Amino acid sequence: MTTPDDPKQEPPQPPPPLGQTPGFGQPPSYGPAGFGQTCPEQPPPGSPGQPPPGAPTYGQPEGFGQPPAGPYGYPAAPPPPQGPVVGPGGLIRDPETGVYIPAGTKVASVGRRIGAYFLSFVLVIVTLVIGYAIWGLIVWGKGTTPALQVLGMKAWRVDQPGVPGWGRMALREIVGRLVEGLAITSIISFVLFVSGDKRQALHDMIASTTVIHDPNKVLG
């Protein structure tokens, strides 16, 4: 005996066409995500129950990914560019050695100093020794030596910034060179010169000097 269909019961759905999965063409379900269901769409930020825009998420510090805020909420201004450090008398602090030197000059590089060392031997031979000695006695008063003069360099005092006078140059070139006359002291002098922060060889340390490159003849 058959019973009449319940009017509240939904009529059976016809089977899907061949090659189509169940639910094809139907709107996505917003219920709990499960097998065969799409995940519900997330409500936009700021809606009820959602964090405001820009709020940190779990595991992120506040302000993550945001530019640093300055006064009144505007981005902070970039730091001003760092210029040269000016010392007494308008001298500029060399960033590599910390020596205060005139603007337009720079502390001589290791390669240029080594070049001056070998050039001095060539000049001694060319001037027959006596000529080099006389030349040196003249230019010591200008704070330089024949080899340094040819390469546009001068000695420079590190204890009291300035060009050394004749007496200090004599201390540097006579006493300092005599101390460096031995092989072991020459090696020590070279190591001190290469590794020192002010590029001072042993004869420089004796006279408290270093060497600066003056290509524009700022010091005459």
N, C-alpha and C. Protein backbone atom coordinates (compact mmCIF):
# COMPACT_ATOMS: atom_id res chain seq x y z
N MET A 1 0.84 -1.18 0.00
CA MET A 1 0.00 0.00 0.00
C MET A 1 0.87 1.22 0.00
N THR A 2 0.67 2.13 -0.87
CA THR A 2 1.49 3.35 -0.99
C THR A 2 0.86 4.46 -0.21
N THR A 3 1.73 5.30 0.33
CA THR A 3 1.28 6.48 1.09
C THR A 3 1.50 7.69 0.24
N PRO A 4 0.66 8.69 0.41
CA PRO A 4 0.86 9.93 -0.39
C PRO A 4 2.15 10.62 0.01
N ASP A 5 2.74 11.27 -0.93
CA ASP A 5 3.99 12.00 -0.66
C ASP A 5 3.74 13.15 0.30
N ASP A 6 4.70 13.34 1.17
CA ASP A 6 4.62 14.45 2.12
C ASP A 6 4.81 15.74 1.37
N PRO A 7 3.83 16.66 1.46
CA PRO A 7 4.00 17.92 0.71
C PRO A 7 5.19 18.72 1.17
N LYS A 8 5.68 18.54 2.44
CA LYS A 8 6.84 19.29 2.94
C LYS A 8 8.15 18.71 2.49
N GLN A 9 8.13 17.52 2.01
CA GLN A 9 9.38 16.87 1.59
C GLN A 9 9.77 17.40 0.21
N GLU A 10 11.03 17.75 0.11
CA GLU A 10 11.52 18.28 -1.16
C GLU A 10 11.54 17.18 -2.19
N PRO A 11 11.16 17.51 -3.40
CA PRO A 11 11.18 16.49 -4.45
C PRO A 11 12.59 16.02 -4.71
N PRO A 12 12.79 14.82 -5.05
CA PRO A 12 14.16 14.30 -5.31
C PRO A 12 14.79 15.05 -6.49
N GLN A 13 16.10 15.29 -6.31
CA GLN A 13 16.85 15.98 -7.35
C GLN A 13 17.24 14.98 -8.42
N PRO A 14 17.17 15.43 -9.67
CA PRO A 14 17.59 14.53 -10.74
C PRO A 14 19.10 14.34 -10.70
N PRO A 15 19.59 13.21 -11.12
CA PRO A 15 21.05 12.99 -11.11
C PRO A 15 21.74 13.96 -12.06
N PRO A 16 22.99 14.36 -11.74
CA PRO A 16 23.70 15.31 -12.61
C PRO A 16 24.03 14.67 -13.94
N PRO A 17 24.14 15.50 -14.94
CA PRO A 17 24.52 14.97 -16.26
C PRO A 17 25.84 14.24 -16.18
N LEU A 18 26.06 13.44 -17.15
CA LEU A 18 27.28 12.65 -17.22
C LEU A 18 28.49 13.58 -17.33
N GLY A 19 29.51 13.38 -16.46
CA GLY A 19 30.75 14.17 -16.50
C GLY A 19 30.74 15.36 -15.57
N GLN A 20 29.62 15.60 -14.87
CA GLN A 20 29.55 16.71 -13.94
C GLN A 20 29.46 16.17 -12.52
N THR A 21 30.13 16.88 -11.59
CA THR A 21 30.10 16.49 -10.18
C THR A 21 28.88 17.09 -9.52
N PRO A 22 28.46 16.51 -8.40
CA PRO A 22 27.31 17.07 -7.69
C PRO A 22 27.62 18.47 -7.20
N GLY A 23 26.63 19.36 -7.30
CA GLY A 23 26.80 20.74 -6.87
C GLY A 23 27.33 21.64 -7.95
N PHE A 24 27.59 21.10 -9.16
CA PHE A 24 28.12 21.93 -10.24
C PHE A 24 27.11 23.00 -10.61
N GLY A 25 27.58 24.26 -10.65
CA GLY A 25 26.70 25.38 -10.99
C GLY A 25 25.93 25.91 -9.84
N GLN A 26 26.09 25.34 -8.62
CA GLN A 26 25.37 25.81 -7.45
C GLN A 26 26.22 26.85 -6.72
N PRO A 27 25.60 27.82 -6.04
CA PRO A 27 26.39 28.80 -5.27
C PRO A 27 27.14 28.12 -4.15
N PRO A 28 28.31 28.67 -3.75
CA PRO A 28 29.11 28.05 -2.69
C PRO A 28 28.40 28.10 -1.36
N SER A 29 28.69 27.09 -0.56
CA SER A 29 28.10 27.01 0.76
C SER A 29 28.93 27.83 1.73
N TYR A 30 28.29 28.50 2.66
CA TYR A 30 28.96 29.30 3.66
C TYR A 30 28.97 28.62 5.02
N GLY A 31 28.68 27.36 5.02
CA GLY A 31 28.70 26.62 6.27
C GLY A 31 30.12 26.22 6.60
N PRO A 32 30.30 25.34 7.56
CA PRO A 32 31.65 24.87 7.92
C PRO A 32 32.31 24.20 6.73
N ALA A 33 33.58 24.53 6.55
CA ALA A 33 34.29 23.96 5.41
C ALA A 33 34.46 22.48 5.60
N GLY A 34 34.16 21.70 4.60
CA GLY A 34 34.30 20.25 4.67
C GLY A 34 34.61 19.72 3.31
N PHE A 35 34.54 18.42 3.22
CA PHE A 35 34.88 17.78 1.96
C PHE A 35 33.85 18.17 0.90
N GLY A 36 34.35 18.70 -0.21
CA GLY A 36 33.46 19.06 -1.31
C GLY A 36 32.85 20.43 -1.15
N GLN A 37 33.21 21.19 -0.09
CA GLN A 37 32.68 22.52 0.11
C GLN A 37 33.79 23.53 -0.02
N THR A 38 33.44 24.71 -0.49
CA THR A 38 34.41 25.81 -0.60
C THR A 38 34.48 26.56 0.71
N CYS A 39 35.64 27.15 0.99
CA CYS A 39 35.82 27.91 2.22
C CYS A 39 35.02 29.20 2.14
N PRO A 40 34.43 29.63 3.24
CA PRO A 40 33.66 30.89 3.20
C PRO A 40 34.56 32.07 2.96
N GLU A 41 34.05 33.08 2.30
CA GLU A 41 34.81 34.29 2.05
C GLU A 41 35.01 35.05 3.35
N GLN A 42 36.19 35.67 3.49
CA GLN A 42 36.49 36.44 4.69
C GLN A 42 35.88 37.82 4.56
N PRO A 43 35.23 38.29 5.62
CA PRO A 43 34.68 39.64 5.57
C PRO A 43 35.80 40.67 5.50
N PRO A 44 35.56 41.83 4.93
CA PRO A 44 36.61 42.86 4.79
C PRO A 44 37.05 43.36 6.15
N PRO A 45 38.34 43.86 6.25
CA PRO A 45 38.82 44.41 7.53
C PRO A 45 37.96 45.59 7.95
N GLY A 46 37.76 45.72 9.24
CA GLY A 46 36.98 46.82 9.77
C GLY A 46 35.54 46.49 9.99
N SER A 47 35.04 45.34 9.47
CA SER A 47 33.66 44.94 9.69
C SER A 47 33.51 44.43 11.11
N PRO A 48 32.30 44.32 11.61
CA PRO A 48 32.10 43.86 13.00
C PRO A 48 32.78 42.52 13.25
N GLY A 49 33.55 42.49 14.31
CA GLY A 49 34.24 41.26 14.68
C GLY A 49 35.59 41.10 14.03
N GLN A 50 35.98 42.06 13.15
CA GLN A 50 37.27 41.97 12.47
C GLN A 50 38.19 43.08 12.97
N PRO A 51 39.55 42.83 12.99
CA PRO A 51 40.47 43.87 13.45
C PRO A 51 40.49 45.04 12.48
N PRO A 52 40.77 46.24 12.96
CA PRO A 52 40.84 47.41 12.07
C PRO A 52 41.99 47.28 11.09
N PRO A 53 41.95 48.03 9.97
CA PRO A 53 43.06 47.97 9.00
C PRO A 53 44.38 48.38 9.64
N GLY A 54 45.46 47.67 9.31
CA GLY A 54 46.78 47.97 9.83
C GLY A 54 47.09 47.37 11.17
N ALA A 55 46.10 46.69 11.79
CA ALA A 55 46.35 46.07 13.09
C ALA A 55 47.27 44.87 12.92
N PRO A 56 48.19 44.63 13.85
CA PRO A 56 49.12 43.49 13.70
C PRO A 56 48.38 42.18 13.83
N THR A 57 48.81 41.20 13.06
CA THR A 57 48.26 39.86 13.15
C THR A 57 49.06 39.06 14.15
N TYR A 58 48.61 37.82 14.37
CA TYR A 58 49.27 36.99 15.38
C TYR A 58 50.73 36.74 15.00
N GLY A 59 51.65 37.00 15.93
CA GLY A 59 53.06 36.75 15.70
C GLY A 59 53.80 37.92 15.07
N GLN A 60 53.13 39.03 14.76
CA GLN A 60 53.79 40.19 14.16
C GLN A 60 53.75 41.35 15.15
N PRO A 61 54.86 42.08 15.29
CA PRO A 61 54.87 43.23 16.19
C PRO A 61 54.03 44.37 15.62
N GLU A 62 53.66 45.26 16.49
CA GLU A 62 52.85 46.39 16.06
C GLU A 62 53.66 47.29 15.12
N GLY A 63 53.06 47.69 14.02
CA GLY A 63 53.76 48.52 13.03
C GLY A 63 54.55 47.72 12.04
N PHE A 64 54.38 46.37 12.02
CA PHE A 64 55.15 45.55 11.09
C PHE A 64 54.82 45.93 9.65
N GLY A 65 55.87 46.19 8.85
CA GLY A 65 55.67 46.52 7.44
C GLY A 65 55.25 47.95 7.19
N GLN A 66 55.13 48.76 8.25
CA GLN A 66 54.72 50.15 8.09
C GLN A 66 55.94 51.06 8.20
N PRO A 67 55.98 52.18 7.47
CA PRO A 67 57.11 53.11 7.60
C PRO A 67 57.11 53.76 8.96
N PRO A 68 58.29 54.12 9.50
CA PRO A 68 58.33 54.75 10.82
C PRO A 68 57.57 56.06 10.82
N ALA A 69 56.76 56.25 11.84
CA ALA A 69 55.93 57.44 11.92
C ALA A 69 56.68 58.56 12.59
N GLY A 70 56.52 59.76 12.06
CA GLY A 70 57.10 60.94 12.64
C GLY A 70 56.04 61.74 13.37
N PRO A 71 56.25 63.05 13.55
CA PRO A 71 55.25 63.88 14.21
C PRO A 71 53.94 63.89 13.43
N TYR A 72 52.83 63.88 14.16
CA TYR A 72 51.48 63.94 13.59
C TYR A 72 51.20 62.76 12.66
N GLY A 73 51.91 61.65 12.83
CA GLY A 73 51.62 60.47 12.04
C GLY A 73 52.28 60.44 10.67
N TYR A 74 53.00 61.48 10.28
CA TYR A 74 53.68 61.49 9.00
C TYR A 74 54.95 60.66 9.07
N PRO A 75 55.44 60.12 7.93
CA PRO A 75 56.69 59.34 7.96
C PRO A 75 57.86 60.18 8.48
N ALA A 76 58.72 59.53 9.25
CA ALA A 76 59.88 60.23 9.81
C ALA A 76 60.82 60.68 8.71
N ALA A 77 61.41 61.85 8.89
CA ALA A 77 62.33 62.40 7.90
C ALA A 77 63.63 61.61 7.91
N PRO A 78 64.28 61.41 6.75
CA PRO A 78 65.55 60.68 6.71
C PRO A 78 66.63 61.46 7.44
N PRO A 79 67.63 60.76 7.99
CA PRO A 79 68.70 61.46 8.70
C PRO A 79 69.50 62.34 7.75
N PRO A 80 69.99 63.48 8.23
CA PRO A 80 70.77 64.37 7.35
C PRO A 80 72.08 63.72 6.93
N PRO A 81 72.58 64.02 5.73
CA PRO A 81 73.85 63.44 5.29
C PRO A 81 75.02 63.90 6.15
N GLN A 82 75.94 62.98 6.38
CA GLN A 82 77.10 63.29 7.20
C GLN A 82 78.19 63.92 6.35
N GLY A 83 78.62 65.11 6.71
CA GLY A 83 79.67 65.80 5.99
C GLY A 83 81.02 65.56 6.64
N PRO A 84 82.08 66.15 6.09
CA PRO A 84 83.41 65.97 6.68
C PRO A 84 83.50 66.63 8.04
N VAL A 85 84.32 66.05 8.90
CA VAL A 85 84.54 66.59 10.24
C VAL A 85 85.61 67.66 10.15
N VAL A 86 85.26 68.88 10.53
CA VAL A 86 86.17 70.02 10.45
C VAL A 86 86.78 70.25 11.82
N GLY A 87 88.09 70.33 11.88
CA GLY A 87 88.79 70.55 13.13
C GLY A 87 89.32 71.96 13.24
N PRO A 88 90.23 72.20 14.18
CA PRO A 88 90.80 73.54 14.36
C PRO A 88 91.52 74.02 13.10
N GLY A 89 91.38 75.28 12.81
CA GLY A 89 92.05 75.85 11.65
C GLY A 89 91.45 75.45 10.32
N GLY A 90 90.24 74.86 10.34
CA GLY A 90 89.61 74.44 9.09
C GLY A 90 90.17 73.16 8.52
N LEU A 91 90.96 72.42 9.30
CA LEU A 91 91.50 71.15 8.82
C LEU A 91 90.40 70.09 8.78
N ILE A 92 90.50 69.19 7.83
CA ILE A 92 89.51 68.14 7.63
C ILE A 92 90.06 66.83 8.20
N ARG A 93 89.21 66.13 8.94
CA ARG A 93 89.64 64.85 9.52
C ARG A 93 89.57 63.77 8.45
N ASP A 94 90.71 63.12 8.19
CA ASP A 94 90.75 62.03 7.23
C ASP A 94 89.99 60.84 7.80
N PRO A 95 88.96 60.33 7.09
CA PRO A 95 88.13 59.26 7.68
C PRO A 95 88.87 57.94 7.87
N GLU A 96 89.93 57.70 7.11
CA GLU A 96 90.64 56.42 7.22
C GLU A 96 91.67 56.42 8.34
N THR A 97 92.38 57.52 8.52
CA THR A 97 93.47 57.54 9.49
C THR A 97 93.17 58.40 10.72
N GLY A 98 92.18 59.28 10.63
CA GLY A 98 91.87 60.16 11.74
C GLY A 98 92.80 61.35 11.86
N VAL A 99 93.69 61.57 10.91
CA VAL A 99 94.62 62.69 10.93
C VAL A 99 93.93 63.92 10.33
N TYR A 100 94.11 65.06 10.97
CA TYR A 100 93.55 66.31 10.45
C TYR A 100 94.52 66.91 9.43
N ILE A 101 94.03 67.07 8.21
CA ILE A 101 94.87 67.54 7.10
C ILE A 101 94.13 68.66 6.37
N PRO A 102 94.84 69.46 5.57
CA PRO A 102 94.17 70.54 4.84
C PRO A 102 93.19 70.00 3.80
N ALA A 103 92.15 70.76 3.54
CA ALA A 103 91.20 70.40 2.49
C ALA A 103 91.90 70.38 1.14
N GLY A 104 91.58 69.40 0.33
CA GLY A 104 92.24 69.25 -0.97
C GLY A 104 93.43 68.32 -0.94
N THR A 105 93.79 67.81 0.24
CA THR A 105 94.87 66.84 0.36
C THR A 105 94.30 65.55 0.94
N LYS A 106 95.12 64.51 0.96
CA LYS A 106 94.73 63.25 1.56
C LYS A 106 95.99 62.52 2.01
N VAL A 107 95.81 61.67 2.99
CA VAL A 107 96.95 60.88 3.47
C VAL A 107 97.41 59.96 2.35
N ALA A 108 98.72 59.96 2.10
CA ALA A 108 99.27 59.19 0.99
C ALA A 108 98.98 57.71 1.16
N SER A 109 98.66 57.07 0.06
CA SER A 109 98.35 55.64 0.10
C SER A 109 99.63 54.82 0.30
N VAL A 110 99.43 53.56 0.66
CA VAL A 110 100.57 52.66 0.85
C VAL A 110 101.36 52.50 -0.44
N GLY A 111 100.67 52.35 -1.57
CA GLY A 111 101.36 52.17 -2.84
C GLY A 111 102.18 53.38 -3.23
N ARG A 112 101.67 54.57 -2.98
CA ARG A 112 102.43 55.78 -3.32
C ARG A 112 103.66 55.93 -2.44
N ARG A 113 103.52 55.57 -1.18
CA ARG A 113 104.68 55.63 -0.28
C ARG A 113 105.76 54.64 -0.70
N ILE A 114 105.35 53.44 -1.08
CA ILE A 114 106.33 52.45 -1.52
C ILE A 114 107.00 52.92 -2.81
N GLY A 115 106.21 53.54 -3.70
CA GLY A 115 106.79 54.08 -4.93
C GLY A 115 107.84 55.15 -4.64
N ALA A 116 107.59 56.00 -3.65
CA ALA A 116 108.57 57.03 -3.27
C ALA A 116 109.83 56.41 -2.69
N TYR A 117 109.68 55.30 -1.98
CA TYR A 117 110.85 54.63 -1.39
C TYR A 117 111.80 54.13 -2.48
N PHE A 118 111.24 53.48 -3.51
CA PHE A 118 112.10 52.98 -4.58
C PHE A 118 112.59 54.10 -5.49
N LEU A 119 111.79 55.16 -5.62
CA LEU A 119 112.23 56.29 -6.44
C LEU A 119 113.45 56.97 -5.83
N SER A 120 113.53 56.97 -4.51
CA SER A 120 114.67 57.61 -3.87
C SER A 120 115.98 56.93 -4.27
N PHE A 121 115.99 55.61 -4.44
CA PHE A 121 117.22 54.92 -4.88
C PHE A 121 117.60 55.34 -6.30
N VAL A 122 116.59 55.48 -7.16
CA VAL A 122 116.87 55.92 -8.53
C VAL A 122 117.45 57.33 -8.54
N LEU A 123 116.88 58.22 -7.73
CA LEU A 123 117.38 59.60 -7.70
C LEU A 123 118.78 59.68 -7.10
N VAL A 124 119.09 58.84 -6.13
CA VAL A 124 120.45 58.82 -5.57
C VAL A 124 121.46 58.46 -6.64
N ILE A 125 121.12 57.48 -7.48
CA ILE A 125 122.04 57.06 -8.54
C ILE A 125 122.17 58.14 -9.61
N VAL A 126 121.05 58.71 -10.00
CA VAL A 126 121.06 59.71 -11.07
C VAL A 126 121.81 60.97 -10.64
N THR A 127 121.64 61.39 -9.39
CA THR A 127 122.28 62.62 -8.91
C THR A 127 123.66 62.37 -8.31
N LEU A 128 124.14 61.13 -8.43
CA LEU A 128 125.49 60.78 -7.94
C LEU A 128 125.63 61.04 -6.43
N VAL A 129 124.62 60.76 -5.69
CA VAL A 129 124.57 60.81 -4.22
C VAL A 129 124.70 62.24 -3.70
N ILE A 130 125.75 62.94 -4.08
CA ILE A 130 125.99 64.28 -3.56
C ILE A 130 124.89 65.24 -3.98
N GLY A 131 124.42 65.07 -5.21
CA GLY A 131 123.33 65.92 -5.67
C GLY A 131 122.04 65.65 -4.90
N TYR A 132 121.80 64.41 -4.57
CA TYR A 132 120.60 64.07 -3.81
C TYR A 132 120.69 64.65 -2.40
N ALA A 133 121.88 64.61 -1.82
CA ALA A 133 122.06 65.15 -0.47
C ALA A 133 121.81 66.65 -0.45
N ILE A 134 122.36 67.36 -1.42
CA ILE A 134 122.16 68.81 -1.47
C ILE A 134 120.68 69.13 -1.73
N TRP A 135 120.09 68.40 -2.63
CA TRP A 135 118.66 68.58 -2.93
C TRP A 135 117.83 68.38 -1.66
N GLY A 136 118.15 67.34 -0.90
CA GLY A 136 117.41 67.07 0.33
C GLY A 136 117.57 68.17 1.36
N LEU A 137 118.79 68.68 1.53
CA LEU A 137 119.01 69.75 2.51
C LEU A 137 118.20 70.99 2.17
N ILE A 138 117.93 71.21 0.88
CA ILE A 138 117.17 72.38 0.46
C ILE A 138 115.67 72.18 0.72
N VAL A 139 115.16 71.03 0.33
CA VAL A 139 113.70 70.84 0.41
C VAL A 139 113.24 70.39 1.79
N TRP A 140 114.14 70.02 2.68
CA TRP A 140 113.71 69.69 4.04
C TRP A 140 112.99 70.88 4.68
N GLY A 141 113.44 72.07 4.36
CA GLY A 141 112.80 73.26 4.93
C GLY A 141 111.36 73.43 4.47
N LYS A 142 110.97 72.73 3.41
CA LYS A 142 109.58 72.78 2.91
C LYS A 142 108.77 71.56 3.35
N GLY A 143 109.38 70.75 4.22
CA GLY A 143 108.65 69.60 4.74
C GLY A 143 108.55 68.44 3.76
N THR A 144 109.54 68.27 2.90
CA THR A 144 109.49 67.18 1.93
C THR A 144 110.89 66.65 1.67
N THR A 145 110.98 65.66 0.83
CA THR A 145 112.25 65.08 0.39
C THR A 145 112.26 65.06 -1.13
N PRO A 146 113.41 64.81 -1.76
CA PRO A 146 113.41 64.78 -3.23
C PRO A 146 112.40 63.81 -3.82
N ALA A 147 112.31 62.59 -3.30
CA ALA A 147 111.37 61.61 -3.85
C ALA A 147 109.92 62.03 -3.58
N LEU A 148 109.65 62.53 -2.38
CA LEU A 148 108.29 62.99 -2.08
C LEU A 148 107.91 64.18 -2.94
N GLN A 149 108.87 65.06 -3.18
CA GLN A 149 108.57 66.25 -3.99
C GLN A 149 108.22 65.87 -5.42
N VAL A 150 108.94 64.91 -5.98
CA VAL A 150 108.66 64.48 -7.35
C VAL A 150 107.25 63.91 -7.46
N LEU A 151 106.79 63.20 -6.45
CA LEU A 151 105.47 62.56 -6.47
C LEU A 151 104.38 63.42 -5.86
N GLY A 152 104.66 64.69 -5.57
CA GLY A 152 103.64 65.59 -5.06
C GLY A 152 103.20 65.29 -3.64
N MET A 153 104.14 64.92 -2.77
CA MET A 153 103.81 64.59 -1.39
C MET A 153 104.66 65.41 -0.43
N LYS A 154 104.15 65.52 0.80
CA LYS A 154 104.87 66.22 1.85
C LYS A 154 104.69 65.49 3.17
N ALA A 155 105.66 65.68 4.05
CA ALA A 155 105.52 65.16 5.40
C ALA A 155 104.53 66.05 6.15
N TRP A 156 103.86 65.45 7.13
CA TRP A 156 102.84 66.17 7.89
C TRP A 156 102.89 65.72 9.34
N ARG A 157 102.90 66.68 10.25
CA ARG A 157 102.97 66.34 11.67
C ARG A 157 101.62 65.84 12.16
N VAL A 158 101.65 64.81 12.98
CA VAL A 158 100.41 64.26 13.54
C VAL A 158 100.20 64.70 14.98
N ASP A 159 101.28 65.11 15.67
CA ASP A 159 101.12 65.57 17.05
C ASP A 159 100.60 66.99 17.10
N GLN A 160 101.03 67.82 16.19
CA GLN A 160 100.58 69.20 16.08
C GLN A 160 100.45 69.49 14.59
N PRO A 161 99.24 69.34 14.01
CA PRO A 161 99.09 69.38 12.56
C PRO A 161 99.77 70.58 11.91
N GLY A 162 100.55 70.28 10.90
CA GLY A 162 101.30 71.30 10.18
C GLY A 162 102.47 70.67 9.44
N VAL A 163 103.08 71.43 8.56
CA VAL A 163 104.24 70.96 7.82
C VAL A 163 105.46 71.02 8.74
N PRO A 164 106.21 69.94 8.88
CA PRO A 164 107.39 69.97 9.76
C PRO A 164 108.48 70.89 9.20
N GLY A 165 109.23 71.47 10.12
CA GLY A 165 110.33 72.34 9.71
C GLY A 165 111.60 71.56 9.40
N TRP A 166 112.67 72.32 9.15
CA TRP A 166 113.94 71.70 8.73
C TRP A 166 114.48 70.77 9.82
N GLY A 167 114.41 71.19 11.08
CA GLY A 167 114.97 70.38 12.16
C GLY A 167 114.23 69.05 12.32
N ARG A 168 112.92 69.07 12.25
CA ARG A 168 112.17 67.83 12.39
C ARG A 168 112.38 66.92 11.18
N MET A 169 112.54 67.51 10.01
CA MET A 169 112.82 66.70 8.82
C MET A 169 114.21 66.07 8.92
N ALA A 170 115.16 66.80 9.49
CA ALA A 170 116.49 66.22 9.70
C ALA A 170 116.41 65.05 10.68
N LEU A 171 115.60 65.19 11.75
CA LEU A 171 115.40 64.09 12.69
C LEU A 171 114.79 62.89 11.98
N ARG A 172 113.86 63.15 11.09
CA ARG A 172 113.18 62.08 10.36
C ARG A 172 114.11 61.38 9.39
N GLU A 173 114.89 62.15 8.64
CA GLU A 173 115.68 61.60 7.55
C GLU A 173 117.07 61.13 7.97
N ILE A 174 117.58 61.63 9.08
CA ILE A 174 118.93 61.22 9.52
C ILE A 174 118.81 60.18 10.63
N VAL A 175 118.22 60.57 11.76
CA VAL A 175 118.12 59.65 12.89
C VAL A 175 117.18 58.49 12.54
N GLY A 176 116.05 58.82 11.94
CA GLY A 176 115.09 57.77 11.60
C GLY A 176 115.64 56.77 10.60
N ARG A 177 116.35 57.27 9.58
CA ARG A 177 116.91 56.36 8.58
C ARG A 177 118.05 55.53 9.15
N LEU A 178 118.82 56.09 10.08
CA LEU A 178 119.89 55.30 10.72
C LEU A 178 119.29 54.15 11.53
N VAL A 179 118.18 54.42 12.22
CA VAL A 179 117.53 53.36 13.00
C VAL A 179 117.00 52.28 12.07
N GLU A 180 116.54 52.66 10.90
CA GLU A 180 116.01 51.70 9.94
C GLU A 180 117.10 51.03 9.11
N GLY A 181 118.36 51.33 9.41
CA GLY A 181 119.44 50.79 8.60
C GLY A 181 119.59 49.29 8.71
N LEU A 182 119.26 48.71 9.86
CA LEU A 182 119.37 47.27 10.03
C LEU A 182 118.22 46.56 9.34
N ALA A 183 118.47 45.34 8.91
CA ALA A 183 117.45 44.58 8.19
C ALA A 183 116.22 44.32 9.05
N ILE A 184 116.45 43.96 10.31
CA ILE A 184 115.32 43.64 11.17
C ILE A 184 114.47 44.85 11.44
N THR A 185 115.11 46.01 11.66
CA THR A 185 114.32 47.22 11.91
C THR A 185 113.61 47.69 10.64
N SER A 186 114.17 47.42 9.48
CA SER A 186 113.48 47.76 8.24
C SER A 186 112.20 46.95 8.08
N ILE A 187 112.27 45.68 8.44
CA ILE A 187 111.08 44.84 8.36
C ILE A 187 110.03 45.31 9.36
N ILE A 188 110.50 45.62 10.59
CA ILE A 188 109.57 46.12 11.60
C ILE A 188 108.92 47.42 11.15
N SER A 189 109.73 48.30 10.55
CA SER A 189 109.21 49.58 10.08
C SER A 189 108.15 49.38 9.01
N PHE A 190 108.37 48.44 8.10
CA PHE A 190 107.41 48.20 7.03
C PHE A 190 106.11 47.63 7.60
N VAL A 191 106.22 46.73 8.56
CA VAL A 191 105.02 46.15 9.17
C VAL A 191 104.22 47.22 9.91
N LEU A 192 104.91 48.08 10.64
CA LEU A 192 104.23 49.16 11.34
C LEU A 192 103.55 50.11 10.36
N PHE A 193 104.23 50.37 9.26
CA PHE A 193 103.67 51.28 8.26
C PHE A 193 102.41 50.72 7.61
N VAL A 194 102.44 49.45 7.27
CA VAL A 194 101.29 48.84 6.58
C VAL A 194 100.12 48.63 7.53
N SER A 195 100.40 48.23 8.77
CA SER A 195 99.33 47.89 9.71
C SER A 195 98.89 49.05 10.59
N GLY A 196 99.66 50.12 10.65
CA GLY A 196 99.33 51.23 11.52
C GLY A 196 98.13 52.02 11.02
N ASP A 197 97.40 52.63 11.95
CA ASP A 197 96.21 53.38 11.57
C ASP A 197 96.55 54.73 10.95
N LYS A 198 97.76 55.26 11.19
CA LYS A 198 98.14 56.56 10.63
C LYS A 198 99.20 56.44 9.53
N ARG A 199 99.51 55.21 9.10
CA ARG A 199 100.48 54.95 8.03
C ARG A 199 101.83 55.61 8.33
N GLN A 200 102.34 55.26 9.50
CA GLN A 200 103.63 55.78 9.93
C GLN A 200 104.66 54.67 9.91
N ALA A 201 105.75 54.90 9.19
CA ALA A 201 106.90 54.01 9.27
C ALA A 201 107.69 54.37 10.54
N LEU A 202 108.76 53.64 10.78
CA LEU A 202 109.52 53.86 12.01
C LEU A 202 110.11 55.27 12.05
N HIS A 203 110.63 55.75 10.92
CA HIS A 203 111.20 57.11 10.91
C HIS A 203 110.10 58.16 11.04
N ASP A 204 108.86 57.82 10.64
CA ASP A 204 107.74 58.74 10.87
C ASP A 204 107.42 58.82 12.35
N MET A 205 107.43 57.67 13.03
CA MET A 205 107.12 57.67 14.46
C MET A 205 108.16 58.45 15.25
N ILE A 206 109.42 58.37 14.84
CA ILE A 206 110.47 59.10 15.55
C ILE A 206 110.24 60.60 15.45
N ALA A 207 109.78 61.07 14.29
CA ALA A 207 109.57 62.50 14.08
C ALA A 207 108.10 62.91 14.25
N SER A 208 107.21 61.96 14.62
CA SER A 208 105.78 62.24 14.78
C SER A 208 105.19 62.83 13.50
N THR A 209 105.46 62.17 12.39
CA THR A 209 104.97 62.65 11.10
C THR A 209 104.29 61.51 10.36
N THR A 210 103.58 61.88 9.31
CA THR A 210 103.10 60.96 8.30
C THR A 210 103.30 61.66 6.96
N VAL A 211 102.77 61.12 5.89
CA VAL A 211 102.95 61.73 4.57
C VAL A 211 101.58 61.94 3.95
N ILE A 212 101.37 63.13 3.39
CA ILE A 212 100.11 63.44 2.72
C ILE A 212 100.38 63.71 1.24
N HIS A 213 99.39 63.42 0.42
CA HIS A 213 99.46 63.68 -1.01
C HIS A 213 98.82 65.04 -1.27
N ASP A 214 99.56 65.92 -1.92
CA ASP A 214 99.11 67.29 -2.17
C ASP A 214 99.16 67.58 -3.66
N PRO A 215 98.25 66.96 -4.46
CA PRO A 215 98.33 67.13 -5.92
C PRO A 215 98.02 68.54 -6.37
N ASN A 216 97.23 69.28 -5.60
CA ASN A 216 96.85 70.65 -6.00
C ASN A 216 97.77 71.70 -5.42
N LYS A 217 98.86 71.27 -4.77
CA LYS A 217 99.85 72.18 -4.19
C LYS A 217 99.18 73.16 -3.24
N VAL A 218 98.30 72.65 -2.38
CA VAL A 218 97.65 73.48 -1.40
C VAL A 218 98.68 74.06 -0.42
N LEU A 219 99.69 73.29 -0.12
CA LEU A 219 100.72 73.71 0.82
C LEU A 219 101.91 74.36 0.14
N GLY A 220 101.81 74.64 -1.15
CA GLY A 220 102.89 75.29 -1.87
C GLY A 220 103.93 74.34 -2.41
